[in-house]
Protein backbone atom coordinates (compact mmCIF):
# COMPACT_ATOMS: atom_id res chain seq x y z
CA UNK A 1 -1.58 16.94 -101.77
CA UNK A 2 -2.44 15.10 -104.98
CA UNK A 3 1.14 15.53 -106.25
CA UNK A 4 2.45 14.22 -102.94
CA UNK A 5 0.28 11.08 -103.21
CA UNK A 6 1.29 10.51 -106.83
CA UNK A 7 4.96 10.94 -105.96
CA UNK A 8 4.84 8.37 -103.16
CA UNK A 9 2.76 6.01 -105.28
CA UNK A 10 5.43 6.21 -107.98
CA UNK A 11 8.17 5.53 -105.42
CA UNK A 12 6.29 2.50 -104.09
CA UNK A 13 5.72 1.20 -107.62
CA UNK A 14 9.40 1.56 -108.49
CA UNK A 15 10.41 -0.10 -105.21
CA UNK A 16 8.03 -3.01 -105.78
CA UNK A 17 9.29 -3.48 -109.34
CA UNK A 18 12.93 -3.44 -108.25
CA UNK A 19 12.23 -5.84 -105.36
CA UNK A 20 10.33 -8.23 -107.65
CA UNK A 21 13.15 -8.10 -110.18
CA UNK A 22 15.79 -8.80 -107.55
CA UNK A 23 13.73 -11.67 -106.15
CA UNK A 24 13.46 -13.23 -109.60
CA UNK A 25 17.20 -12.85 -110.18
CA UNK A 26 18.06 -14.43 -106.82
CA UNK A 27 15.62 -17.29 -107.49
CA UNK A 28 17.13 -18.02 -110.90
CA UNK A 29 20.63 -17.93 -109.46
CA UNK A 30 19.86 -20.22 -106.52
CA UNK A 31 17.19 -22.60 -107.88
CA UNK A 32 19.73 -25.05 -109.31
CA UNK A 33 21.61 -25.17 -106.01
CA UNK A 34 18.36 -25.70 -104.11
CA UNK A 35 17.28 -28.48 -106.47
CA UNK A 36 20.68 -30.15 -106.19
CA UNK A 37 20.51 -30.01 -102.40
CA UNK A 38 17.05 -31.59 -102.44
CA UNK A 39 18.25 -34.35 -104.75
CA UNK A 40 21.31 -34.99 -102.57
CA UNK A 41 19.17 -35.24 -99.43
CA UNK A 42 16.77 -37.62 -101.13
CA UNK A 43 19.63 -39.73 -102.50
CA UNK A 44 20.97 -40.11 -98.95
CA UNK A 45 17.61 -41.55 -97.93
CA UNK A 46 17.58 -43.86 -100.96
CA UNK A 47 21.03 -45.12 -100.00
CA UNK A 48 19.65 -46.15 -96.62
CA UNK A 49 16.89 -48.33 -98.05
CA UNK A 50 18.31 -49.81 -101.25
CA UNK A 51 21.85 -51.05 -101.74
CA UNK A 52 23.53 -49.18 -104.57
CA UNK A 53 24.99 -52.40 -105.96
CA UNK A 54 21.47 -53.56 -106.80
CA UNK A 55 20.97 -50.91 -109.48
CA UNK A 56 23.03 -48.92 -111.98
CA UNK A 57 20.62 -46.24 -113.25
CA UNK A 58 19.89 -42.69 -112.15
CA UNK A 59 16.77 -43.02 -110.01
CA UNK A 60 15.78 -39.41 -110.61
CA UNK A 61 15.61 -40.07 -114.36
CA UNK A 62 13.22 -42.97 -113.72
CA UNK A 63 10.69 -40.94 -111.75
CA UNK A 64 6.93 -41.27 -112.16
CA UNK A 65 3.83 -39.73 -110.59
CA UNK A 66 1.06 -41.87 -109.13
CA UNK A 67 -2.24 -40.04 -108.81
CA UNK A 68 -5.47 -40.84 -106.98
CA UNK A 69 -4.47 -44.04 -105.22
CA UNK A 70 -5.75 -44.50 -101.68
CA UNK A 71 -3.42 -47.47 -101.15
CA UNK A 72 -0.60 -44.94 -100.87
CA UNK A 73 -2.34 -42.87 -98.21
CA UNK A 74 -4.65 -40.44 -99.97
CA UNK A 75 -5.42 -39.10 -103.43
CA UNK A 76 -2.47 -36.70 -103.73
CA UNK A 77 0.31 -37.37 -106.28
CA UNK A 78 3.14 -39.57 -105.02
CA UNK A 79 6.60 -40.09 -106.47
CA UNK A 80 7.69 -43.48 -107.77
CA UNK A 81 11.33 -44.28 -108.63
CA UNK A 82 12.35 -47.35 -110.62
CA UNK A 83 15.69 -49.02 -109.90
CA UNK A 84 17.20 -50.84 -112.88
CA UNK A 85 20.16 -53.16 -113.41
CA UNK A 86 21.50 -53.45 -116.96
CA UNK A 87 18.30 -51.83 -118.18
CA UNK A 88 15.99 -54.27 -116.38
CA UNK A 89 13.64 -52.95 -113.67
CA UNK A 90 14.42 -54.75 -110.41
CA UNK A 91 12.81 -52.67 -107.66
CA UNK A 92 10.86 -49.52 -106.85
CA UNK A 93 10.91 -46.78 -104.26
CA UNK A 94 7.65 -45.04 -103.38
CA UNK A 95 7.02 -41.94 -101.32
CA UNK A 96 3.69 -42.37 -99.58
CA UNK A 97 1.83 -41.74 -96.35
CA UNK A 98 -0.56 -43.21 -93.81
CA UNK A 99 -3.24 -41.11 -92.12
CA UNK A 100 -3.52 -43.61 -89.26
CA UNK A 101 -0.68 -42.50 -86.99
CA UNK A 102 -1.61 -41.75 -83.40
CA UNK A 103 -0.80 -38.06 -83.95
CA UNK A 104 -1.87 -37.80 -87.58
CA UNK A 105 -0.36 -38.44 -90.99
CA UNK A 106 3.01 -40.18 -91.23
CA UNK A 107 5.00 -39.84 -94.45
CA UNK A 108 7.26 -42.73 -95.39
CA UNK A 109 9.58 -44.05 -98.06
CA UNK A 110 9.39 -47.74 -99.01
CA UNK A 111 11.73 -49.70 -101.28
CA UNK A 112 10.80 -53.20 -102.44
CA UNK A 113 11.47 -55.54 -105.33
CA UNK A 114 8.74 -56.84 -107.61
CA UNK A 115 8.50 -60.20 -105.81
CA UNK A 116 7.26 -58.95 -102.46
CA UNK A 117 10.55 -58.41 -100.67
CA UNK A 118 10.98 -55.21 -98.68
CA UNK A 119 14.40 -53.66 -99.15
CA UNK A 120 14.02 -50.85 -96.65
CA UNK A 121 11.68 -48.32 -95.05
CA UNK A 122 12.28 -44.82 -93.72
CA UNK A 123 10.01 -42.27 -92.08
CA UNK A 124 10.15 -38.91 -93.85
CA UNK A 125 7.84 -36.93 -91.58
CA UNK A 126 5.76 -37.59 -88.48
CA UNK A 127 4.23 -35.89 -85.45
CA UNK A 128 4.32 -38.80 -83.05
CA UNK A 129 4.81 -38.40 -79.29
CA UNK A 130 8.47 -38.04 -78.22
CA UNK A 131 9.59 -41.09 -76.26
CA UNK A 132 6.75 -43.23 -77.62
CA UNK A 133 5.68 -43.11 -81.25
CA UNK A 134 8.79 -41.28 -82.43
CA UNK A 135 10.72 -44.57 -82.21
CA UNK A 136 9.63 -45.18 -85.81
CA UNK A 137 12.30 -42.59 -86.69
CA UNK A 138 15.70 -44.16 -87.45
CA UNK A 139 17.33 -41.31 -85.53
CA UNK A 140 15.55 -42.48 -82.39
CA UNK A 141 15.67 -46.28 -82.69
CA UNK A 142 16.40 -49.10 -85.14
CA UNK A 143 12.83 -50.44 -85.07
CA UNK A 144 12.12 -49.38 -88.67
CA UNK A 145 14.82 -51.80 -89.87
CA UNK A 146 12.55 -54.67 -88.82
CA UNK A 147 11.03 -54.58 -92.32
CA UNK A 148 14.26 -55.02 -94.30
CA UNK A 149 14.30 -58.42 -95.98
CA UNK A 150 10.71 -59.29 -95.05
CA UNK A 151 8.53 -60.79 -97.79
CA UNK A 152 4.82 -60.64 -98.38
CA UNK A 153 2.31 -62.20 -100.72
CA UNK A 154 -1.47 -62.37 -100.77
CA UNK A 155 -1.48 -65.76 -99.01
CA UNK A 156 0.52 -64.54 -96.01
CA UNK A 157 -0.87 -61.06 -95.41
CA UNK A 158 -2.02 -62.11 -91.95
CA UNK A 159 1.61 -62.43 -90.85
CA UNK A 160 1.96 -58.68 -91.33
CA UNK A 161 0.58 -57.71 -87.94
CA UNK A 162 1.79 -57.37 -84.37
CA UNK A 163 2.90 -60.49 -82.48
CA UNK A 164 0.12 -59.96 -79.95
CA UNK A 165 -2.31 -60.28 -82.87
CA UNK A 166 -0.64 -63.43 -84.20
CA UNK A 167 1.74 -61.71 -86.61
CA UNK A 168 5.51 -61.41 -86.97
CA UNK A 169 6.20 -57.86 -85.79
CA UNK A 170 7.22 -56.39 -82.46
CA UNK A 171 5.76 -53.16 -81.22
CA UNK A 172 7.16 -50.69 -78.74
CA UNK A 173 5.40 -49.92 -75.50
CA UNK A 174 2.67 -47.32 -75.64
CA UNK A 175 2.60 -46.95 -79.41
CA UNK A 176 0.35 -49.73 -80.72
CA UNK A 177 -1.55 -47.42 -83.08
CA UNK A 178 1.64 -45.99 -84.58
CA UNK A 179 3.32 -49.35 -85.15
CA UNK A 180 0.16 -50.83 -86.67
CA UNK A 181 -0.05 -47.86 -89.04
CA UNK A 182 3.52 -48.37 -90.32
CA UNK A 183 3.14 -52.15 -90.62
CA UNK A 184 -0.08 -51.83 -92.63
CA UNK A 185 1.29 -49.04 -94.82
CA UNK A 186 4.46 -50.99 -95.60
CA UNK A 187 2.41 -54.12 -96.35
CA UNK A 188 0.05 -52.31 -98.71
CA UNK A 189 2.82 -50.43 -100.50
CA UNK A 190 4.91 -53.59 -100.97
CA UNK A 191 1.91 -55.43 -102.43
CA UNK A 192 1.27 -52.44 -104.68
CA UNK A 193 4.90 -52.40 -105.89
CA UNK A 194 4.44 -55.97 -107.16
CA UNK A 195 1.86 -54.64 -109.64
CA UNK A 196 4.02 -51.82 -110.99
CA UNK A 197 5.71 -53.63 -113.93
CA UNK A 198 2.30 -54.20 -115.54
CA UNK A 199 1.13 -50.63 -114.87
CA UNK A 200 4.24 -48.55 -115.42
CA UNK A 201 3.22 -47.37 -118.88
CA UNK A 202 0.10 -45.81 -117.34
CA UNK A 203 2.03 -43.45 -115.07
CA UNK A 204 3.12 -39.95 -115.96
CA UNK A 205 6.83 -39.23 -115.80
CA UNK A 206 7.98 -36.55 -113.38
CA UNK A 207 9.46 -34.48 -116.20
CA UNK A 208 6.09 -34.01 -117.91
């Protein structure tokens, strides 16, 4: 009986070792393809919110991590990408989130220059109600494009609210909480982007 148990234990050990080895080999073979696919998908999103003619650098080589900043949604690390033209920083793209969606956290991507002008916004992930809050998704409606070209500064923050509250932005029926969440998140992120040139040296690069 003891020999039988030892034999099967040995077989299981060999099987586990072979499986682990094969998994590692497959991972090493495919990881570059997976990374390239992720970069391509992200670049497609970037192309929707910042015109390629505005910059001439590789955004993924100008990537930084922002840690512990509640302005961006919570204290998790967020990615920051700097767009440059002829070596001069002209805009930034930030991945961030807002916890204030009607159905929970909404993840978004905001591009803006350093003078308070929004270049574009896209929703990365949400759990909003189909037919109501999901209209923040570009695949459902064009509402998210309402931010493109809008400017903000500290003197005119009050304009960044719904029209029914005296601001400049339309909402869609039945989704006041969701639209307010995106407006406020975009406002705060755009104001934050204006401070980046002075703080950039404090941020860790993504490659570190």
